[in-house]
Amino acid sequence: MAAWLETQIPDLDDESGECGWGFYKTSTDEFLNKHLDLRSLTIENQKLFGDAIVIGRSKLLDFGEEYSCLNVDFFEIFFNMYLLSEKGEPPLEFSDWSIIKPCNEKTGPGWD
């Protein structure tokens, strides 16, 4: 799962790139958006992703940019959305999206 997720993140190819809601590649002055609907993952991979969110947040808060280029403030919003969804509450309170469409995709490893 981790190896597959690595393929979903763009290669910023420079140290000054930024991660937030998307990825800003300074060398080309390009903003890259990526999309991953967690409902498209297997149940096992959804759990692994959730565990990684919790562990990653702890490391991001402890080590900051030494650990990741992710923006802490944006990640906190993402983390709060994750917590709401884990409690069965609508996570859109922290989202710019107003409508969630059904997901019929199957992405990531484990669907074979």
C-alpha atoms as a PDB file:
ATOM      1  CA  MET A   1       0.000   0.000   0.000  1.00  0.00           C
ATOM      2  CA  ALA A   2       2.761   2.463   0.919  1.00  0.00           C
ATOM      3  CA  ALA A   3       4.622   1.798  -2.323  1.00  0.00           C
ATOM      4  CA  TRP A   4       1.434   2.345  -4.334  1.00  0.00           C
ATOM      5  CA  LEU A   5       0.675   5.608  -2.513  1.00  0.00           C
ATOM      6  CA  GLU A   6       4.166   6.885  -3.352  1.00  0.00           C
ATOM      7  CA  THR A   7       3.235   6.596  -7.027  1.00  0.00           C
ATOM      8  CA  GLN A   8       0.247   8.881  -6.442  1.00  0.00           C
ATOM      9  CA  ILE A   9       2.349  11.836  -5.230  1.00  0.00           C
ATOM     10  CA  PRO A  10       3.949  13.972  -7.944  1.00  0.00           C
ATOM     11  CA  ASP A  11       7.718  14.293  -8.086  1.00  0.00           C
ATOM     12  CA  LEU A  12       8.336  17.932  -7.267  1.00  0.00           C
ATOM     13  CA  ASP A  13      11.952  17.625  -8.503  1.00  0.00           C
ATOM     14  CA  ASP A  14      13.123  20.553  -6.426  1.00  0.00           C
ATOM     15  CA  GLU A  15      13.604  21.312  -2.752  1.00  0.00           C
ATOM     16  CA  SER A  16      11.428  24.426  -2.817  1.00  0.00           C
ATOM     17  CA  GLY A  17       8.207  22.710  -3.871  1.00  0.00           C
ATOM     18  CA  GLU A  18       5.293  22.917  -1.472  1.00  0.00           C
ATOM     19  CA  CYS A  19       2.518  20.550  -0.367  1.00  0.00           C
ATOM     20  CA  GLY A  20      -0.871  21.757   0.847  1.00  0.00           C
ATOM     21  CA  TRP A  21      -4.192  21.150  -0.852  1.00  0.00           C
ATOM     22  CA  GLY A  22      -2.139  20.294  -3.888  1.00  0.00           C
ATOM     23  CA  PHE A  23       1.487  20.356  -4.905  1.00  0.00           C
ATOM     24  CA  TYR A  24       3.234  23.461  -6.148  1.00  0.00           C
ATOM     25  CA  LYS A  25       6.192  22.733  -8.406  1.00  0.00           C
ATOM     26  CA  THR A  26       8.334  25.863  -8.342  1.00  0.00           C
ATOM     27  CA  SER A  27      10.584  24.792 -11.210  1.00  0.00           C
ATOM     28  CA  THR A  28       7.657  24.925 -13.634  1.00  0.00           C
ATOM     29  CA  ASP A  29       5.423  27.353 -11.712  1.00  0.00           C
ATOM     30  CA  GLU A  30       2.743  24.663 -11.854  1.00  0.00           C
ATOM     31  CA  PHE A  31       0.119  23.699  -9.255  1.00  0.00           C
ATOM     32  CA  LEU A  32      -0.680  19.973  -9.323  1.00  0.00           C
ATOM     33  CA  ASN A  33      -3.887  18.575  -7.836  1.00  0.00           C
ATOM     34  CA  LYS A  34      -4.259  14.912  -7.003  1.00  0.00           C
ATOM     35  CA  HIS A  35      -7.388  13.003  -6.058  1.00  0.00           C
ATOM     36  CA  LEU A  36      -7.836   9.836  -4.028  1.00  0.00           C
ATOM     37  CA  ASP A  37     -11.282   8.737  -2.881  1.00  0.00           C
ATOM     38  CA  LEU A  38     -10.551   6.585   0.162  1.00  0.00           C
ATOM     39  CA  ARG A  39     -13.798   4.693  -0.420  1.00  0.00           C
ATOM     40  CA  SER A  40     -12.188   3.240  -3.551  1.00  0.00           C
ATOM     41  CA  LEU A  41      -9.611   1.384  -1.443  1.00  0.00           C
ATOM     42  CA  THR A  42     -10.151  -2.070   0.007  1.00  0.00           C
ATOM     43  CA  ILE A  43     -11.371  -2.119   3.629  1.00  0.00           C
ATOM     44  CA  GLU A  44      -7.926  -3.352   4.725  1.00  0.00           C
ATOM     45  CA  ASN A  45      -6.192  -0.520   2.849  1.00  0.00           C
ATOM     46  CA  GLN A  46      -8.635   2.034   4.282  1.00  0.00           C
ATOM     47  CA  LYS A  47      -7.562   0.896   7.764  1.00  0.00           C
ATOM     48  CA  LEU A  48      -3.872   1.042   6.810  1.00  0.00           C
ATOM     49  CA  PHE A  49      -4.398   4.549   5.422  1.00  0.00           C
ATOM     50  CA  GLY A  50      -6.154   5.618   8.625  1.00  0.00           C
ATOM     51  CA  ASP A  51      -3.318   4.225  10.750  1.00  0.00           C
ATOM     52  CA  ALA A  52      -0.812   6.084   8.553  1.00  0.00           C
ATOM     53  CA  ILE A  53      -2.732   9.353   9.018  1.00  0.00           C
ATOM     54  CA  VAL A  54      -2.449   9.045  12.801  1.00  0.00           C
ATOM     55  CA  ILE A  55       1.248   8.076  12.745  1.00  0.00           C
ATOM     56  CA  GLY A  56       2.104  10.636  10.067  1.00  0.00           C
ATOM     57  CA  ARG A  57       0.382  13.426  11.985  1.00  0.00           C
ATOM     58  CA  SER A  58       2.387  12.635  15.091  1.00  0.00           C
ATOM     59  CA  LYS A  59       5.644  12.686  13.130  1.00  0.00           C
ATOM     60  CA  LEU A  60       4.687  15.861  11.256  1.00  0.00           C
ATOM     61  CA  LEU A  61       3.921  17.646  14.522  1.00  0.00           C
ATOM     62  CA  ASP A  62       7.127  16.382  16.146  1.00  0.00           C
ATOM     63  CA  PHE A  63       9.569  16.852  13.263  1.00  0.00           C
ATOM     64  CA  GLY A  64       7.905  19.302  10.846  1.00  0.00           C
ATOM     65  CA  GLU A  65       9.746  19.776   7.561  1.00  0.00           C
ATOM     66  CA  GLU A  66      12.428  17.287   8.597  1.00  0.00           C
ATOM     67  CA  TYR A  67       9.707  14.644   8.225  1.00  0.00           C
ATOM     68  CA  SER A  68       7.572  15.997   5.365  1.00  0.00           C
ATOM     69  CA  CYS A  69       6.901  19.037   3.207  1.00  0.00           C
ATOM     70  CA  LEU A  70       3.184  18.779   4.055  1.00  0.00           C
ATOM     71  CA  ASN A  71       1.686  21.942   5.493  1.00  0.00           C
ATOM     72  CA  VAL A  72       0.767  21.263   9.150  1.00  0.00           C
ATOM     73  CA  ASP A  73      -2.336  23.481   9.086  1.00  0.00           C
ATOM     74  CA  PHE A  74      -3.746  21.775   5.988  1.00  0.00           C
ATOM     75  CA  PHE A  75      -2.934  18.360   7.413  1.00  0.00           C
ATOM     76  CA  GLU A  76      -4.798  19.224  10.635  1.00  0.00           C
ATOM     77  CA  ILE A  77      -7.944  19.930   8.596  1.00  0.00           C
ATOM     78  CA  PHE A  78      -7.483  16.607   6.802  1.00  0.00           C
ATOM     79  CA  PHE A  79      -6.899  14.860  10.157  1.00  0.00           C
ATOM     80  CA  ASN A  80     -10.078  16.365  11.623  1.00  0.00           C
ATOM     81  CA  MET A  81     -12.014  15.135   8.581  1.00  0.00           C
ATOM     82  CA  TYR A  82     -10.589  11.671   9.209  1.00  0.00           C
ATOM     83  CA  LEU A  83     -11.638  11.779  12.892  1.00  0.00           C
ATOM     84  CA  LEU A  84     -15.177  12.820  11.962  1.00  0.00           C
ATOM     85  CA  SER A  85     -15.485   9.993   9.454  1.00  0.00           C
ATOM     86  CA  GLU A  86     -14.183   7.494  12.037  1.00  0.00           C
ATOM     87  CA  LYS A  87     -16.953   8.605  14.414  1.00  0.00           C
ATOM     88  CA  GLY A  88     -19.527   8.180  11.643  1.00  0.00           C
ATOM     89  CA  GLU A  89     -20.077  11.923  11.359  1.00  0.00           C
ATOM     90  CA  PRO A  90     -20.039  13.832   8.053  1.00  0.00           C
ATOM     91  CA  PRO A  91     -16.453  14.939   7.358  1.00  0.00           C
ATOM     92  CA  LEU A  92     -17.528  17.720   4.988  1.00  0.00           C
ATOM     93  CA  GLU A  93     -17.609  20.242   7.836  1.00  0.00           C
ATOM     94  CA  PHE A  94     -13.907  20.799   7.092  1.00  0.00           C
ATOM     95  CA  SER A  95     -14.138  20.492   3.315  1.00  0.00           C
ATOM     96  CA  ASP A  96     -14.642  22.866   0.420  1.00  0.00           C
ATOM     97  CA  TRP A  97     -16.811  20.201  -1.232  1.00  0.00           C
ATOM     98  CA  SER A  98     -20.552  20.491  -0.752  1.00  0.00           C
ATOM     99  CA  ILE A  99     -21.672  17.265  -2.416  1.00  0.00           C
ATOM    100  CA  ILE A 100     -20.236  13.790  -2.191  1.00  0.00           C
ATOM    101  CA  LYS A 101     -20.983  11.595  -5.171  1.00  0.00           C
ATOM    102  CA  PRO A 102     -21.198   7.802  -4.874  1.00  0.00           C
ATOM    103  CA  CYS A 103     -17.906   5.992  -5.422  1.00  0.00           C
ATOM    104  CA  ASN A 104     -17.854   2.973  -7.683  1.00  0.00           C
ATOM    105  CA  GLU A 105     -14.091   2.981  -8.313  1.00  0.00           C
ATOM    106  CA  LYS A 106     -11.679   0.312  -7.123  1.00  0.00           C
ATOM    107  CA  THR A 107      -8.167   1.714  -6.822  1.00  0.00           C
ATOM    108  CA  GLY A 108      -5.003   0.632  -5.116  1.00  0.00           C
ATOM    109  CA  PRO A 109      -3.640  -2.796  -4.349  1.00  0.00           C
ATOM    110  CA  GLY A 110      -5.710  -5.709  -3.080  1.00  0.00           C
ATOM    111  CA  TRP A 111      -8.659  -5.742  -5.460  1.00  0.00           C
ATOM    112  CA  ASP A 112      -7.398  -8.707  -7.509  1.00  0.00           C
END
